[in-house]
Structure formats: structure tokens, C-alpha cells
């Protein structure tokens, strides 16, 4: 068996392993719902901007209206999601990924 064939078989073995499947499950269980929630939040902003102009134009403080507040909250939520994912990855994904990496490096090296 050549080195390349050996490397491929190691990666195929890892891909089929329970730990790798668990890593994918943990990633998907966080990323998919959060993506759906964010897209729904963004779509709400777009729909309100297009169809609820009176509501979006309500002045809250001086020239600051509902549309501006929701628009700024889009940025805030984006940064919050990035921070939350970083924490999730550090606690739930990185330890498992490190274990898998060590296994692969041990088999190849």
C-alpha cells in the first residue's frame, strides 16, 4: 500500500468514526438553527422595510426611527452570533476535533 493510499484510508476511517459523526452533529445542531434564526430575523427586517413603512418610520428619539434601530441590531446580532459560535466551538467542537487530529497525525506520522 502506498503512502497516499494509506493516508486516504486513514481519512476514510476517521470519516466513518463515531467521534467524527458526533463532531458533525454538534456543528450542525448549532449552525443550522442559528442560520435559520438569523435569516428569519433578516427577512423580517426586509419585509418590514418593504411593507410596513409607517411602522419603520416611527421616530423613537430625535431622528432615530424603528428602521435605524432594527438595522443597527442586525449588526449587533451578527457580532453576537460570531461570539456565541466561538464559545460553542471552544467548548463543544475543538476538544473533539483536537482528539481526531491527534489520532490522524498519530496514524500518518
C-alpha atoms as a PDB file:
ATOM      1  CA  UNK A   1       0.000   0.000   0.000  1.00  0.00           C
ATOM      2  CA  UNK A   2       1.444   3.373  -0.987  1.00  0.00           C
ATOM      3  CA  UNK A   3       1.657   6.252   1.470  1.00  0.00           C
ATOM      4  CA  UNK A   4      -1.082   8.113  -0.398  1.00  0.00           C
ATOM      5  CA  UNK A   5      -3.405   5.103  -0.256  1.00  0.00           C
ATOM      6  CA  UNK A   6      -2.614   4.721   3.446  1.00  0.00           C
ATOM      7  CA  UNK A   7      -3.421   8.415   4.056  1.00  0.00           C
ATOM      8  CA  UNK A   8      -6.726   8.107   2.218  1.00  0.00           C
ATOM      9  CA  UNK A   9      -7.707   5.017   4.195  1.00  0.00           C
ATOM     10  CA  UNK A  10      -6.908   6.819   7.474  1.00  0.00           C
ATOM     11  CA  UNK A  11      -9.136   9.734   6.475  1.00  0.00           C
ATOM     12  CA  UNK A  12     -11.896   7.373   5.385  1.00  0.00           C
ATOM     13  CA  UNK A  13     -11.599   5.580   8.729  1.00  0.00           C
ATOM     14  CA  UNK A  14     -11.873   8.877  10.606  1.00  0.00           C
ATOM     15  CA  UNK A  15     -14.818   9.951   8.455  1.00  0.00           C
ATOM     16  CA  UNK A  16     -16.679   6.790   9.449  1.00  0.00           C
ATOM     17  CA  UNK A  17     -15.754   7.058  13.127  1.00  0.00           C
ATOM     18  CA  UNK A  18     -18.304   7.833  15.836  1.00  0.00           C
ATOM     19  CA  UNK A  19     -16.248  10.815  17.024  1.00  0.00           C
ATOM     20  CA  UNK A  20     -16.293  12.445  13.597  1.00  0.00           C
ATOM     21  CA  UNK A  21     -20.015  11.846  13.216  1.00  0.00           C
ATOM     22  CA  UNK A  22     -20.523  13.384  16.666  1.00  0.00           C
ATOM     23  CA  UNK A  23     -18.414  16.391  15.663  1.00  0.00           C
ATOM     24  CA  UNK A  24     -20.578  16.919  12.579  1.00  0.00           C
ATOM     25  CA  UNK A  25     -23.748  16.503  14.655  1.00  0.00           C
ATOM     26  CA  UNK A  26     -22.605  19.066  17.211  1.00  0.00           C
ATOM     27  CA  UNK A  27     -21.706  21.554  14.469  1.00  0.00           C
ATOM     28  CA  UNK A  28     -24.969  21.097  12.603  1.00  0.00           C
ATOM     29  CA  UNK A  29     -27.121  21.222  15.724  1.00  0.00           C
ATOM     30  CA  UNK A  30     -25.788  24.720  16.419  1.00  0.00           C
ATOM     31  CA  UNK A  31     -25.099  26.141  12.962  1.00  0.00           C
ATOM     32  CA  UNK A  32     -28.311  25.191  11.156  1.00  0.00           C
ATOM     33  CA  UNK A  33     -30.814  26.560  13.712  1.00  0.00           C
ATOM     34  CA  UNK A  34     -28.735  29.723  14.237  1.00  0.00           C
ATOM     35  CA  UNK A  35     -28.509  30.284  10.489  1.00  0.00           C
ATOM     36  CA  UNK A  36     -32.262  29.814  10.120  1.00  0.00           C
ATOM     37  CA  UNK A  37     -32.935  32.200  13.009  1.00  0.00           C
ATOM     38  CA  UNK A  38     -30.632  34.861  11.596  1.00  0.00           C
ATOM     39  CA  UNK A  39     -32.077  34.579   8.089  1.00  0.00           C
ATOM     40  CA  UNK A  40     -35.585  34.849   9.551  1.00  0.00           C
ATOM     41  CA  UNK A  41     -34.527  37.934  11.532  1.00  0.00           C
ATOM     42  CA  UNK A  42     -33.000  39.480   8.396  1.00  0.00           C
ATOM     43  CA  UNK A  43     -36.057  38.615   6.292  1.00  0.00           C
ATOM     44  CA  UNK A  44     -38.287  40.247   8.913  1.00  0.00           C
ATOM     45  CA  UNK A  45     -36.268  43.459   8.541  1.00  0.00           C
ATOM     46  CA  UNK A  46     -36.576  43.355   4.749  1.00  0.00           C
ATOM     47  CA  UNK A  47     -40.321  42.630   4.829  1.00  0.00           C
ATOM     48  CA  UNK A  48     -40.976  45.361   7.387  1.00  0.00           C
ATOM     49  CA  UNK A  49     -38.936  47.796   5.320  1.00  0.00           C
ATOM     50  CA  UNK A  50     -40.966  46.991   2.235  1.00  0.00           C
ATOM     51  CA  UNK A  51     -44.454  46.568   3.621  1.00  0.00           C
ATOM     52  CA  UNK A  52     -44.612  48.345   6.983  1.00  0.00           C
ATOM     53  CA  UNK A  53     -43.154  51.710   6.074  1.00  0.00           C
ATOM     54  CA  UNK A  54     -45.286  53.591   8.585  1.00  0.00           C
ATOM     55  CA  UNK A  55     -44.115  51.357  11.423  1.00  0.00           C
ATOM     56  CA  UNK A  56     -40.479  51.535  10.331  1.00  0.00           C
ATOM     57  CA  UNK A  57     -40.707  55.318  10.101  1.00  0.00           C
ATOM     58  CA  UNK A  58     -41.876  55.805  13.685  1.00  0.00           C
ATOM     59  CA  UNK A  59     -39.440  58.174  15.379  1.00  0.00           C
ATOM     60  CA  UNK A  60     -38.137  56.907  18.689  1.00  0.00           C
ATOM     61  CA  UNK A  61     -35.640  59.569  19.701  1.00  0.00           C
ATOM     62  CA  UNK A  62     -34.932  62.645  17.591  1.00  0.00           C
ATOM     63  CA  UNK A  63     -34.295  61.435  14.041  1.00  0.00           C
ATOM     64  CA  UNK A  64     -33.735  57.835  15.136  1.00  0.00           C
ATOM     65  CA  UNK A  65     -36.573  55.667  13.874  1.00  0.00           C
ATOM     66  CA  UNK A  66     -37.523  51.999  14.187  1.00  0.00           C
ATOM     67  CA  UNK A  67     -35.824  51.115  10.885  1.00  0.00           C
ATOM     68  CA  UNK A  68     -32.493  52.504  12.047  1.00  0.00           C
ATOM     69  CA  UNK A  69     -32.690  50.695  15.385  1.00  0.00           C
ATOM     70  CA  UNK A  70     -33.538  47.365  13.735  1.00  0.00           C
ATOM     71  CA  UNK A  71     -30.803  47.932  11.136  1.00  0.00           C
ATOM     72  CA  UNK A  72     -28.200  48.503  13.846  1.00  0.00           C
ATOM     73  CA  UNK A  73     -29.499  45.453  15.703  1.00  0.00           C
ATOM     74  CA  UNK A  74     -28.729  43.424  12.557  1.00  0.00           C
ATOM     75  CA  UNK A  75     -25.045  44.252  13.056  1.00  0.00           C
ATOM     76  CA  UNK A  76     -25.236  43.617  16.794  1.00  0.00           C
ATOM     77  CA  UNK A  77     -26.819  40.211  16.225  1.00  0.00           C
ATOM     78  CA  UNK A  78     -24.145  39.326  13.656  1.00  0.00           C
ATOM     79  CA  UNK A  79     -21.366  40.034  16.151  1.00  0.00           C
ATOM     80  CA  UNK A  80     -23.253  38.218  18.913  1.00  0.00           C
ATOM     81  CA  UNK A  81     -23.645  35.123  16.712  1.00  0.00           C
ATOM     82  CA  UNK A  82     -19.920  35.162  15.890  1.00  0.00           C
ATOM     83  CA  UNK A  83     -19.067  35.423  19.604  1.00  0.00           C
ATOM     84  CA  UNK A  84     -21.569  32.704  20.551  1.00  0.00           C
ATOM     85  CA  UNK A  85     -20.224  30.370  17.861  1.00  0.00           C
ATOM     86  CA  UNK A  86     -16.686  30.958  19.086  1.00  0.00           C
ATOM     87  CA  UNK A  87     -17.717  29.918  22.598  1.00  0.00           C
ATOM     88  CA  UNK A  88     -19.657  26.918  21.280  1.00  0.00           C
ATOM     89  CA  UNK A  89     -16.708  25.774  19.169  1.00  0.00           C
ATOM     90  CA  UNK A  90     -14.262  26.211  22.035  1.00  0.00           C
ATOM     91  CA  UNK A  91     -16.383  24.153  24.447  1.00  0.00           C
ATOM     92  CA  UNK A  92     -18.042  21.555  22.203  1.00  0.00           C
ATOM     93  CA  UNK A  93     -16.169  21.245  18.902  1.00  0.00           C
ATOM     94  CA  UNK A  94     -12.485  21.972  19.493  1.00  0.00           C
ATOM     95  CA  UNK A  95     -11.814  19.228  22.064  1.00  0.00           C
ATOM     96  CA  UNK A  96     -13.310  16.581  19.787  1.00  0.00           C
ATOM     97  CA  UNK A  97     -11.577  17.990  16.703  1.00  0.00           C
ATOM     98  CA  UNK A  98      -8.243  18.034  18.567  1.00  0.00           C
ATOM     99  CA  UNK A  99      -8.712  14.400  19.530  1.00  0.00           C
ATOM    100  CA  UNK A 100      -9.458  13.442  15.924  1.00  0.00           C
ATOM    101  CA  UNK A 101      -6.461  15.420  14.665  1.00  0.00           C
ATOM    102  CA  UNK A 102      -4.142  13.701  17.142  1.00  0.00           C
ATOM    103  CA  UNK A 103      -5.484  10.322  16.023  1.00  0.00           C
ATOM    104  CA  UNK A 104      -4.876  11.122  12.359  1.00  0.00           C
ATOM    105  CA  UNK A 105      -1.416  12.567  12.987  1.00  0.00           C
ATOM    106  CA  UNK A 106      -0.523   9.501  15.013  1.00  0.00           C
ATOM    107  CA  UNK A 107      -1.619   7.185  12.205  1.00  0.00           C
ATOM    108  CA  UNK A 108       0.093   9.151   9.409  1.00  0.00           C
ATOM    109  CA  UNK A 109       3.222  10.358  11.224  1.00  0.00           C
END
